[in-house]
PDB file of N, CA and C in Angstrom:
ATOM      1  N   GLY A   1     107.998 105.371  92.080  1.00  0.00           N
ATOM      2  CA  GLY A   1     106.755 105.535  92.751  1.00  0.00           C
ATOM      3  C   GLY A   1     106.730 104.569  93.959  1.00  0.00           C
ATOM      4  N   ARG A   2     107.497 103.511  94.111  1.00  0.00           N
ATOM      5  CA  ARG A   2     107.285 102.586  95.255  1.00  0.00           C
ATOM      6  C   ARG A   2     108.107 102.981  96.370  1.00  0.00           C
ATOM      7  N   VAL A   3     108.837 103.981  96.408  1.00  0.00           N
ATOM      8  CA  VAL A   3     109.775 104.487  97.438  1.00  0.00           C
ATOM      9  C   VAL A   3     109.117 105.674  98.094  1.00  0.00           C
ATOM     10  N   ILE A   4     108.354 106.503  97.469  1.00  0.00           N
ATOM     11  CA  ILE A   4     107.867 107.734  97.945  1.00  0.00           C
ATOM     12  C   ILE A   4     106.890 107.550  99.143  1.00  0.00           C
ATOM     13  N   GLY A   5     106.058 106.607  99.078  1.00  0.00           N
ATOM     14  CA  GLY A   5     105.138 106.303 100.264  1.00  0.00           C
ATOM     15  C   GLY A   5     105.791 106.025 101.505  1.00  0.00           C
ATOM     16  N   PRO A   6     106.663 104.818 101.491  1.00  0.00           N
ATOM     17  CA  PRO A   6     107.366 104.511 102.611  1.00  0.00           C
ATOM     18  C   PRO A   6     108.308 105.526 103.179  1.00  0.00           C
ATOM     19  N   ALA A   7     108.926 106.304 102.262  1.00  0.00           N
ATOM     20  CA  ALA A   7     109.862 107.467 102.712  1.00  0.00           C
ATOM     21  C   ALA A   7     109.088 108.444 103.564  1.00  0.00           C
ATOM     22  N   ILE A   8     107.827 108.855 102.945  1.00  0.00           N
ATOM     23  CA  ILE A   8     107.147 109.876 103.734  1.00  0.00           C
ATOM     24  C   ILE A   8     106.624 109.298 104.988  1.00  0.00           C
ATOM     25  N   CYS A   9     106.312 108.030 105.096  1.00  0.00           N
ATOM     26  CA  CYS A   9     105.810 107.486 106.381  1.00  0.00           C
ATOM     27  C   CYS A   9     106.958 107.461 107.322  1.00  0.00           C
ATOM     28  N   THR A  10     108.123 106.928 106.906  1.00  0.00           N
ATOM     29  CA  THR A  10     109.325 107.003 107.791  1.00  0.00           C
ATOM     30  C   THR A  10     109.590 108.382 108.326  1.00  0.00           C
ATOM     31  N   SER A  11     109.556 109.344 107.486  1.00  0.00           N
ATOM     32  CA  SER A  11     109.919 110.767 107.976  1.00  0.00           C
ATOM     33  C   SER A  11     108.837 111.238 108.925  1.00  0.00           C
ATOM     34  N   ALA A  12     107.611 110.946 108.648  1.00  0.00           N
ATOM     35  CA  ALA A  12     106.445 111.382 109.434  1.00  0.00           C
ATOM     36  C   ALA A  12     106.488 110.719 110.880  1.00  0.00           C
ATOM     37  N   ALA A  13     106.831 109.476 110.843  1.00  0.00           N
ATOM     38  CA  ALA A  13     106.927 108.698 112.030  1.00  0.00           C
ATOM     39  C   ALA A  13     107.926 109.159 112.939  1.00  0.00           C
ATOM     40  N   ALA A  14     109.166 109.547 112.406  1.00  0.00           N
ATOM     41  CA  ALA A  14     110.263 110.170 113.179  1.00  0.00           C
ATOM     42  C   ALA A  14     109.911 111.425 113.686  1.00  0.00           C
ATOM     43  N   MET A  15     109.335 112.344 112.864  1.00  0.00           N
ATOM     44  CA  MET A  15     108.875 113.656 113.329  1.00  0.00           C
ATOM     45  C   MET A  15     107.957 113.560 114.482  1.00  0.00           C
ATOM     46  N   SER A  16     106.936 112.614 114.553  1.00  0.00           N
ATOM     47  CA  SER A  16     106.086 112.478 115.519  1.00  0.00           C
ATOM     48  C   SER A  16     106.663 111.912 116.834  1.00  0.00           C
ATOM     49  N   MET A  17     107.765 111.166 116.683  1.00  0.00           N
ATOM     50  CA  MET A  17     108.517 110.480 117.836  1.00  0.00           C
ATOM     51  C   MET A  17     109.524 111.501 118.449  1.00  0.00           C
ATOM     52  N   PHE A  18     110.030 112.504 117.593  1.00  0.00           N
ATOM     53  CA  PHE A  18     111.063 113.344 118.206  1.00  0.00           C
ATOM     54  C   PHE A  18     110.679 113.995 119.454  1.00  0.00           C
ATOM     55  N   PRO A  19     109.552 114.738 119.546  1.00  0.00           N
ATOM     56  CA  PRO A  19     109.252 115.371 120.860  1.00  0.00           C
ATOM     57  C   PRO A  19     109.189 114.359 122.033  1.00  0.00           C
ATOM     58  N   LEU A  20     109.073 113.115 121.831  1.00  0.00           N
ATOM     59  CA  LEU A  20     108.954 112.146 122.866  1.00  0.00           C
ATOM     60  C   LEU A  20     110.245 111.560 123.323  1.00  0.00           C
ATOM     61  N   ALA A  21     111.276 111.873 122.651  1.00  0.00           N
ATOM     62  CA  ALA A  21     112.680 111.555 122.915  1.00  0.00           C
ATOM     63  C   ALA A  21     113.141 112.160 124.260  1.00  0.00           C
ATOM     64  N   GLU A  22     113.451 111.378 125.309  1.00  0.00           N
ATOM     65  CA  GLU A  22     113.713 111.978 126.581  1.00  0.00           C
ATOM     66  C   GLU A  22     115.194 112.187 126.864  1.00  0.00           C
ATOM     67  N   ASP A  23     116.105 111.575 126.027  1.00  0.00           N
ATOM     68  CA  ASP A  23     117.503 111.750 126.295  1.00  0.00           C
ATOM     69  C   ASP A  23     118.220 111.746 125.037  1.00  0.00           C
ATOM     70  N   LEU A  24     119.482 111.928 124.940  1.00  0.00           N
ATOM     71  CA  LEU A  24     120.331 111.946 123.709  1.00  0.00           C
ATOM     72  C   LEU A  24     120.372 110.711 122.977  1.00  0.00           C
ATOM     73  N   PRO A  25     120.488 109.538 123.457  1.00  0.00           N
ATOM     74  CA  PRO A  25     120.592 108.361 122.683  1.00  0.00           C
ATOM     75  C   PRO A  25     119.161 108.192 121.908  1.00  0.00           C
ATOM     76  N   HIS A  26     117.938 108.446 122.555  1.00  0.00           N
ATOM     77  CA  HIS A  26     116.735 108.294 121.935  1.00  0.00           C
ATOM     78  C   HIS A  26     116.574 109.373 120.813  1.00  0.00           C
ATOM     79  N   ALA A  27     117.075 110.690 121.056  1.00  0.00           N
ATOM     80  CA  ALA A  27     117.020 111.688 120.087  1.00  0.00           C
ATOM     81  C   ALA A  27     117.809 111.273 118.837  1.00  0.00           C
ATOM     82  N   CYS A  28     119.025 110.675 119.162  1.00  0.00           N
ATOM     83  CA  CYS A  28     119.840 110.328 118.048  1.00  0.00           C
ATOM     84  C   CYS A  28     119.218 109.190 117.139  1.00  0.00           C
ATOM     85  N   ALA A  29     118.563 108.263 117.812  1.00  0.00           N
ATOM     86  CA  ALA A  29     117.915 107.098 117.089  1.00  0.00           C
ATOM     87  C   ALA A  29     116.828 107.702 116.209  1.00  0.00           C
ATOM     88  N   VAL A  30     116.050 108.561 116.804  1.00  0.00           N
ATOM     89  CA  VAL A  30     114.927 109.177 116.055  1.00  0.00           C
ATOM     90  C   VAL A  30     115.499 110.016 114.911  1.00  0.00           C
ATOM     91  N   LEU A  31     116.517 110.787 115.081  1.00  0.00           N
ATOM     92  CA  LEU A  31     117.133 111.565 114.016  1.00  0.00           C
ATOM     93  C   LEU A  31     117.678 110.676 112.990  1.00  0.00           C
ATOM     94  N   PHE A  32     118.169 109.500 113.275  1.00  0.00           N
ATOM     95  CA  PHE A  32     118.633 108.544 112.264  1.00  0.00           C
ATOM     96  C   PHE A  32     117.515 108.064 111.380  1.00  0.00           C
ATOM     97  N   ILE A  33     116.485 107.619 112.035  1.00  0.00           N
ATOM     98  CA  ILE A  33     115.256 107.142 111.341  1.00  0.00           C
ATOM     99  C   ILE A  33     114.782 108.316 110.359  1.00  0.00           C
ATOM    100  N   TRP A  34     114.782 109.611 110.911  1.00  0.00           N
ATOM    101  CA  TRP A  34     114.311 110.660 110.145  1.00  0.00           C
ATOM    102  C   TRP A  34     115.151 110.948 108.853  1.00  0.00           C
ATOM    103  N   SER A  35     116.513 110.797 109.090  1.00  0.00           N
ATOM    104  CA  SER A  35     117.439 111.001 107.947  1.00  0.00           C
ATOM    105  C   SER A  35     117.249 109.900 106.967  1.00  0.00           C
ATOM    106  N   ALA A  36     116.989 108.704 107.429  1.00  0.00           N
ATOM    107  CA  ALA A  36     116.745 107.630 106.453  1.00  0.00           C
ATOM    108  C   ALA A  36     115.582 107.863 105.590  1.00  0.00           C
ATOM    109  N   GLY A  37     114.511 108.290 106.186  1.00  0.00           N
ATOM    110  CA  GLY A  37     113.316 108.698 105.397  1.00  0.00           C
ATOM    111  C   GLY A  37     113.635 109.804 104.284  1.00  0.00           C
ATOM    112  N   GLY A  38     114.482 110.804 104.823  1.00  0.00           N
ATOM    113  CA  GLY A  38     114.838 111.883 103.980  1.00  0.00           C
ATOM    114  C   GLY A  38     115.733 111.519 102.810  1.00  0.00           C
ATOM    115  N   THR A  39     116.653 110.472 103.068  1.00  0.00           N
ATOM    116  CA  THR A  39     117.486 110.031 102.094  1.00  0.00           C
ATOM    117  C   THR A  39     116.609 109.263 101.071  1.00  0.00           C
ATOM    118  N   LEU A  40     115.671 108.475 101.453  1.00  0.00           N
ATOM    119  CA  LEU A  40     114.894 107.689 100.469  1.00  0.00           C
ATOM    120  C   LEU A  40     114.118 108.664  99.657  1.00  0.00           C
ATOM    121  N   LEU A  41     113.632 109.729 100.326  1.00  0.00           N
ATOM    122  CA  LEU A  41     112.785 110.649  99.590  1.00  0.00           C
ATOM    123  C   LEU A  41     113.528 111.548  98.617  1.00  0.00           C
ATOM    124  N   GLY A  42     114.932 111.649  98.886  1.00  0.00           N
ATOM    125  CA  GLY A  42     115.682 112.754  98.088  1.00  0.00           C
ATOM    126  C   GLY A  42     115.477 112.726  96.636  1.00  0.00           C
ATOM    127  N   SER A  43     115.745 111.612  95.826  1.00  0.00           N
ATOM    128  CA  SER A  43     115.670 111.696  94.509  1.00  0.00           C
ATOM    129  C   SER A  43     114.484 110.922  93.936  1.00  0.00           C
ATOM    130  N   ALA A  44     113.647 110.357  94.675  1.00  0.00           N
ATOM    131  CA  ALA A  44     112.455 109.536  94.209  1.00  0.00           C
ATOM    132  C   ALA A  44     111.498 110.397  93.447  1.00  0.00           C
ATOM    133  N   PRO A  45     111.153 111.578  93.869  1.00  0.00           N
ATOM    134  CA  PRO A  45     110.248 112.319  93.041  1.00  0.00           C
ATOM    135  C   PRO A  45     110.745 112.755  91.666  1.00  0.00           C
ATOM    136  N   THR A  46     112.033 113.117  91.595  1.00  0.00           N
ATOM    137  CA  THR A  46     112.642 113.525  90.389  1.00  0.00           C
ATOM    138  C   THR A  46     112.665 112.360  89.356  1.00  0.00           C
ATOM    139  N   ALA A  47     113.020 111.156  89.964  1.00  0.00           N
ATOM    140  CA  ALA A  47     113.106 110.025  89.110  1.00  0.00           C
ATOM    141  C   ALA A  47     111.781 109.609  88.572  1.00  0.00           C
ATOM    142  N   HIS A  48     110.719 109.720  89.461  1.00  0.00           N
ATOM    143  CA  HIS A  48     109.249 109.355  89.101  1.00  0.00           C
ATOM    144  C   HIS A  48     108.814 110.358  87.975  1.00  0.00           C
ATOM    145  N   ALA A  49     109.105 111.666  88.128  1.00  0.00           N
ATOM    146  CA  ALA A  49     108.711 112.696  87.188  1.00  0.00           C
ATOM    147  C   ALA A  49     109.366 112.483  85.828  1.00  0.00           C
ATOM    148  N   THR A  50     110.630 112.069  85.860  1.00  0.00           N
ATOM    149  CA  THR A  50     111.451 111.793  84.653  1.00  0.00           C
ATOM    150  C   THR A  50     110.830 110.702  83.884  1.00  0.00           C
ATOM    151  N   ASN A  51     110.325 109.683  84.643  1.00  0.00           N
ATOM    152  CA  ASN A  51     109.733 108.475  83.948  1.00  0.00           C
ATOM    153  C   ASN A  51     108.419 108.813  83.272  1.00  0.00           C
ATOM    154  N   LEU A  52     107.655 109.750  83.886  1.00  0.00           N
ATOM    155  CA  LEU A  52     106.325 110.021  83.409  1.00  0.00           C
ATOM    156  C   LEU A  52     106.192 111.030  82.313  1.00  0.00           C
ATOM    157  N   VAL A  53     107.170 111.934  82.187  1.00  0.00           N
ATOM    158  CA  VAL A  53     107.050 112.990  81.283  1.00  0.00           C
ATOM    159  C   VAL A  53     107.860 112.644  79.930  1.00  0.00           C
ATOM    160  N   ALA A  54     107.305 113.102  78.825  1.00  0.00           N
ATOM    161  CA  ALA A  54     107.990 112.896  77.582  1.00  0.00           C
ATOM    162  C   ALA A  54     109.306 113.623  77.558  1.00  0.00           C
ATOM    163  N   SER A  55     110.260 113.158  76.854  1.00  0.00           N
ATOM    164  CA  SER A  55     111.598 113.705  76.774  1.00  0.00           C
ATOM    165  C   SER A  55     111.697 115.171  76.322  1.00  0.00           C
ATOM    166  N   ASP A  56     110.699 115.590  75.458  1.00  0.00           N
ATOM    167  CA  ASP A  56     110.795 117.014  75.019  1.00  0.00           C
ATOM    168  C   ASP A  56     110.206 118.021  75.992  1.00  0.00           C
ATOM    169  N   ALA A  57     109.434 117.504  77.032  1.00  0.00           N
ATOM    170  CA  ALA A  57     108.953 118.416  78.090  1.00  0.00           C
ATOM    171  C   ALA A  57     109.579 118.123  79.430  1.00  0.00           C
ATOM    172  N   ARG A  58     110.594 117.299  79.426  1.00  0.00           N
ATOM    173  CA  ARG A  58     111.303 116.957  80.638  1.00  0.00           C
ATOM    174  C   ARG A  58     111.871 118.050  81.422  1.00  0.00           C
ATOM    175  N   ALA A  59     112.581 118.896  80.785  1.00  0.00           N
ATOM    176  CA  ALA A  59     113.257 120.033  81.346  1.00  0.00           C
ATOM    177  C   ALA A  59     112.214 120.987  81.967  1.00  0.00           C
ATOM    178  N   GLN A  60     111.187 121.389  81.204  1.00  0.00           N
ATOM    179  CA  GLN A  60     110.175 122.135  81.833  1.00  0.00           C
ATOM    180  C   GLN A  60     109.527 121.636  83.073  1.00  0.00           C
ATOM    181  N   ALA A  61     109.146 120.297  82.983  1.00  0.00           N
ATOM    182  CA  ALA A  61     108.517 119.560  84.174  1.00  0.00           C
ATOM    183  C   ALA A  61     109.348 119.575  85.314  1.00  0.00           C
ATOM    184  N   LEU A  62     110.627 119.249  85.093  1.00  0.00           N
ATOM    185  CA  LEU A  62     111.637 119.311  86.284  1.00  0.00           C
ATOM    186  C   LEU A  62     111.696 120.679  86.912  1.00  0.00           C
ATOM    187  N   ALA A  63     111.792 121.604  85.942  1.00  0.00           N
ATOM    188  CA  ALA A  63     111.950 123.034  86.565  1.00  0.00           C
ATOM    189  C   ALA A  63     110.692 123.496  87.360  1.00  0.00           C
ATOM    190  N   LEU A  64     109.584 123.052  86.854  1.00  0.00           N
ATOM    191  CA  LEU A  64     108.302 123.363  87.590  1.00  0.00           C
ATOM    192  C   LEU A  64     108.208 122.750  88.982  1.00  0.00           C
ATOM    193  N   MET A  65     108.697 121.477  88.917  1.00  0.00           N
ATOM    194  CA  MET A  65     108.744 120.686  90.105  1.00  0.00           C
ATOM    195  C   MET A  65     109.727 121.248  91.140  1.00  0.00           C
ATOM    196  N   ARG A  66     110.835 121.743  90.626  1.00  0.00           N
ATOM    197  CA  ARG A  66     111.804 122.379  91.535  1.00  0.00           C
ATOM    198  C   ARG A  66     111.202 123.698  92.107  1.00  0.00           C
ATOM    199  N   THR A  67     110.607 124.487  91.358  1.00  0.00           N
ATOM    200  CA  THR A  67     109.967 125.696  91.719  1.00  0.00           C
ATOM    201  C   THR A  67     108.855 125.500  92.803  1.00  0.00           C
ATOM    202  N   ALA A  68     108.064 124.525  92.526  1.00  0.00           N
ATOM    203  CA  ALA A  68     106.981 124.098  93.568  1.00  0.00           C
ATOM    204  C   ALA A  68     107.667 123.690  94.874  1.00  0.00           C
ATOM    205  N   GLY A  69     108.777 122.947  94.802  1.00  0.00           N
ATOM    206  CA  GLY A  69     109.424 122.555  95.957  1.00  0.00           C
ATOM    207  C   GLY A  69     110.067 123.676  96.793  1.00  0.00           C
ATOM    208  N   ASP A  70     110.549 124.719  96.023  1.00  0.00           N
ATOM    209  CA  ASP A  70     111.131 125.921  96.659  1.00  0.00           C
ATOM    210  C   ASP A  70     110.066 126.744  97.272  1.00  0.00           C
ATOM    211  N   ILE A  71     108.915 126.885  96.686  1.00  0.00           N
ATOM    212  CA  ILE A  71     107.744 127.636  97.287  1.00  0.00           C
ATOM    213  C   ILE A  71     107.284 126.820  98.615  1.00  0.00           C
ATOM    214  N   GLY A  72     107.161 125.539  98.403  1.00  0.00           N
ATOM    215  CA  GLY A  72     106.780 124.711  99.525  1.00  0.00           C
ATOM    216  C   GLY A  72     107.743 124.819 100.718  1.00  0.00           C
ATOM    217  N   LEU A  73     109.141 124.923 100.445  1.00  0.00           N
ATOM    218  CA  LEU A  73     110.006 125.077 101.469  1.00  0.00           C
ATOM    219  C   LEU A  73     109.942 126.364 102.218  1.00  0.00           C
ATOM    220  N   LEU A  74     109.673 127.451 101.415  1.00  0.00           N
ATOM    221  CA  LEU A  74     109.543 128.750 102.110  1.00  0.00           C
ATOM    222  C   LEU A  74     108.246 128.884 102.849  1.00  0.00           C
ATOM    223  N   THR A  75     107.123 128.474 102.193  1.00  0.00           N
ATOM    224  CA  THR A  75     105.927 128.601 102.990  1.00  0.00           C
ATOM    225  C   THR A  75     105.848 127.627 104.190  1.00  0.00           C
ATOM    226  N   GLY A  76     106.306 126.440 103.956  1.00  0.00           N
ATOM    227  CA  GLY A  76     106.381 125.446 105.047  1.00  0.00           C
ATOM    228  C   GLY A  76     107.142 125.861 106.334  1.00  0.00           C
ATOM    229  N   ALA A  77     108.375 126.284 106.078  1.00  0.00           N
ATOM    230  CA  ALA A  77     109.218 126.802 107.091  1.00  0.00           C
ATOM    231  C   ALA A  77     108.599 127.958 107.872  1.00  0.00           C
ATOM    232  N   THR A  78     107.896 128.934 107.160  1.00  0.00           N
ATOM    233  CA  THR A  78     107.235 130.028 107.776  1.00  0.00           C
ATOM    234  C   THR A  78     106.019 129.461 108.662  1.00  0.00           C
ATOM    235  N   ALA A  79     105.377 128.625 108.103  1.00  0.00           N
ATOM    236  CA  ALA A  79     104.155 128.056 108.843  1.00  0.00           C
ATOM    237  C   ALA A  79     104.676 127.326 110.108  1.00  0.00           C
ATOM    238  N   VAL A  80     105.532 126.543 109.965  1.00  0.00           N
ATOM    239  CA  VAL A  80     106.101 125.704 111.132  1.00  0.00           C
ATOM    240  C   VAL A  80     106.679 126.664 112.157  1.00  0.00           C
ATOM    241  N   GLY A  81     107.450 127.702 111.698  1.00  0.00           N
ATOM    242  CA  GLY A  81     107.970 128.669 112.693  1.00  0.00           C
ATOM    243  C   GLY A  81     106.928 129.450 113.449  1.00  0.00           C
ATOM    244  N   ALA A  82     105.946 129.840 112.714  1.00  0.00           N
ATOM    245  CA  ALA A  82     104.793 130.608 113.292  1.00  0.00           C
ATOM    246  C   ALA A  82     104.037 129.709 114.343  1.00  0.00           C
ATOM    247  N   THR A  83     103.793 128.465 113.969  1.00  0.00           N
ATOM    248  CA  THR A  83     103.131 127.413 114.853  1.00  0.00           C
ATOM    249  C   THR A  83     103.964 127.297 116.106  1.00  0.00           C
ATOM    250  N   ALA A  84     105.333 127.068 115.868  1.00  0.00           N
ATOM    251  CA  ALA A  84     106.188 127.024 117.104  1.00  0.00           C
ATOM    252  C   ALA A  84     106.144 128.193 117.971  1.00  0.00           C
ATOM    253  N   ALA A  85     106.179 129.393 117.328  1.00  0.00           N
ATOM    254  CA  ALA A  85     106.139 130.690 118.255  1.00  0.00           C
ATOM    255  C   ALA A  85     104.818 130.800 119.015  1.00  0.00           C
ATOM    256  N   ILE A  86     103.802 130.384 118.353  1.00  0.00           N
ATOM    257  CA  ILE A  86     102.424 130.568 119.050  1.00  0.00           C
ATOM    258  C   ILE A  86     102.095 129.439 119.941  1.00  0.00           C
ATOM    259  N   PHE A  87     102.316 128.294 119.563  1.00  0.00           N
ATOM    260  CA  PHE A  87     101.790 127.040 120.280  1.00  0.00           C
ATOM    261  C   PHE A  87     102.970 126.164 120.928  1.00  0.00           C
ATOM    262  N   GLY A  88     104.207 126.393 120.512  1.00  0.00           N
ATOM    263  CA  GLY A  88     105.279 125.626 121.095  1.00  0.00           C
ATOM    264  C   GLY A  88     105.862 124.620 120.127  1.00  0.00           C
ATOM    265  N   GLY A  89     107.098 124.332 120.278  1.00  0.00           N
ATOM    266  CA  GLY A  89     107.766 123.376 119.310  1.00  0.00           C
ATOM    267  C   GLY A  89     107.267 121.961 119.232  1.00  0.00           C
ATOM    268  N   GLU A  90     106.792 121.481 120.325  1.00  0.00           N
ATOM    269  CA  GLU A  90     106.059 120.120 120.280  1.00  0.00           C
ATOM    270  C   GLU A  90     104.923 120.086 119.263  1.00  0.00           C
ATOM    271  N   THR A  91     104.055 121.106 119.513  1.00  0.00           N
ATOM    272  CA  THR A  91     102.934 121.209 118.679  1.00  0.00           C
ATOM    273  C   THR A  91     103.282 121.299 117.224  1.00  0.00           C
ATOM    274  N   ALA A  92     104.311 122.156 116.952  1.00  0.00           N
ATOM    275  CA  ALA A  92     104.701 122.351 115.484  1.00  0.00           C
ATOM    276  C   ALA A  92     105.302 121.140 114.942  1.00  0.00           C
ATOM    277  N   MET A  93     106.031 120.324 115.696  1.00  0.00           N
ATOM    278  CA  MET A  93     106.478 118.950 115.131  1.00  0.00           C
ATOM    279  C   MET A  93     105.364 118.016 114.897  1.00  0.00           C
ATOM    280  N   GLN A  94     104.357 117.909 115.860  1.00  0.00           N
ATOM    281  CA  GLN A  94     103.297 116.986 115.695  1.00  0.00           C
ATOM    282  C   GLN A  94     102.406 117.322 114.490  1.00  0.00           C
ATOM    283  N   ALA A  95     102.139 118.683 114.262  1.00  0.00           N
ATOM    284  CA  ALA A  95     101.345 119.115 113.178  1.00  0.00           C
ATOM    285  C   ALA A  95     102.133 118.940 111.808  1.00  0.00           C
ATOM    286  N   THR A  96     103.422 119.113 111.878  1.00  0.00           N
ATOM    287  CA  THR A  96     104.179 118.775 110.595  1.00  0.00           C
ATOM    288  C   THR A  96     104.061 117.331 110.254  1.00  0.00           C
ATOM    289  N   SER A  97     104.188 116.411 111.228  1.00  0.00           N
ATOM    290  CA  SER A  97     104.227 115.008 110.960  1.00  0.00           C
ATOM    291  C   SER A  97     102.711 114.614 110.515  1.00  0.00           C
ATOM    292  N   GLY A  98     101.749 115.191 111.103  1.00  0.00           N
ATOM    293  CA  GLY A  98     100.371 114.922 110.666  1.00  0.00           C
ATOM    294  C   GLY A  98     100.163 115.404 109.315  1.00  0.00           C
ATOM    295  N   PHE A  99     100.690 116.492 108.922  1.00  0.00           N
ATOM    296  CA  PHE A  99     100.551 117.053 107.584  1.00  0.00           C
ATOM    297  C   PHE A  99     101.198 116.097 106.487  1.00  0.00           C
ATOM    298  N   LEU A 100     102.272 115.469 106.855  1.00  0.00           N
ATOM    299  CA  LEU A 100     102.896 114.657 105.951  1.00  0.00           C
ATOM    300  C   LEU A 100     102.132 113.283 105.706  1.00  0.00           C
ATOM    301  N   LEU A 101     101.359 112.814 106.692  1.00  0.00           N
ATOM    302  CA  LEU A 101     100.557 111.708 106.457  1.00  0.00           C
ATOM    303  C   LEU A 101      99.211 112.052 105.816  1.00  0.00           C
TER     304      LEU A 101
END
């Protein structure tokens, strides 16, 4: 539980800074920060759920968490793509970072 908040904040900050990167070195630095946040966030929710759920219900809880993540991936990508098509890529990135916070 102590890693999830900072990881989300790191990813959201990088997403909001990415449209402001004016050249390749700045873009690489922002992408590095973004990947660090993603790495921190990778296994933290699974470990947290494993600690919270009783051992006999653990498989079902992890399957439900995975299903919710897949649904979120599909709907989130569709929403961001539609936002980018209608309002532009910068607006889509800013909206995504705002949603994470």
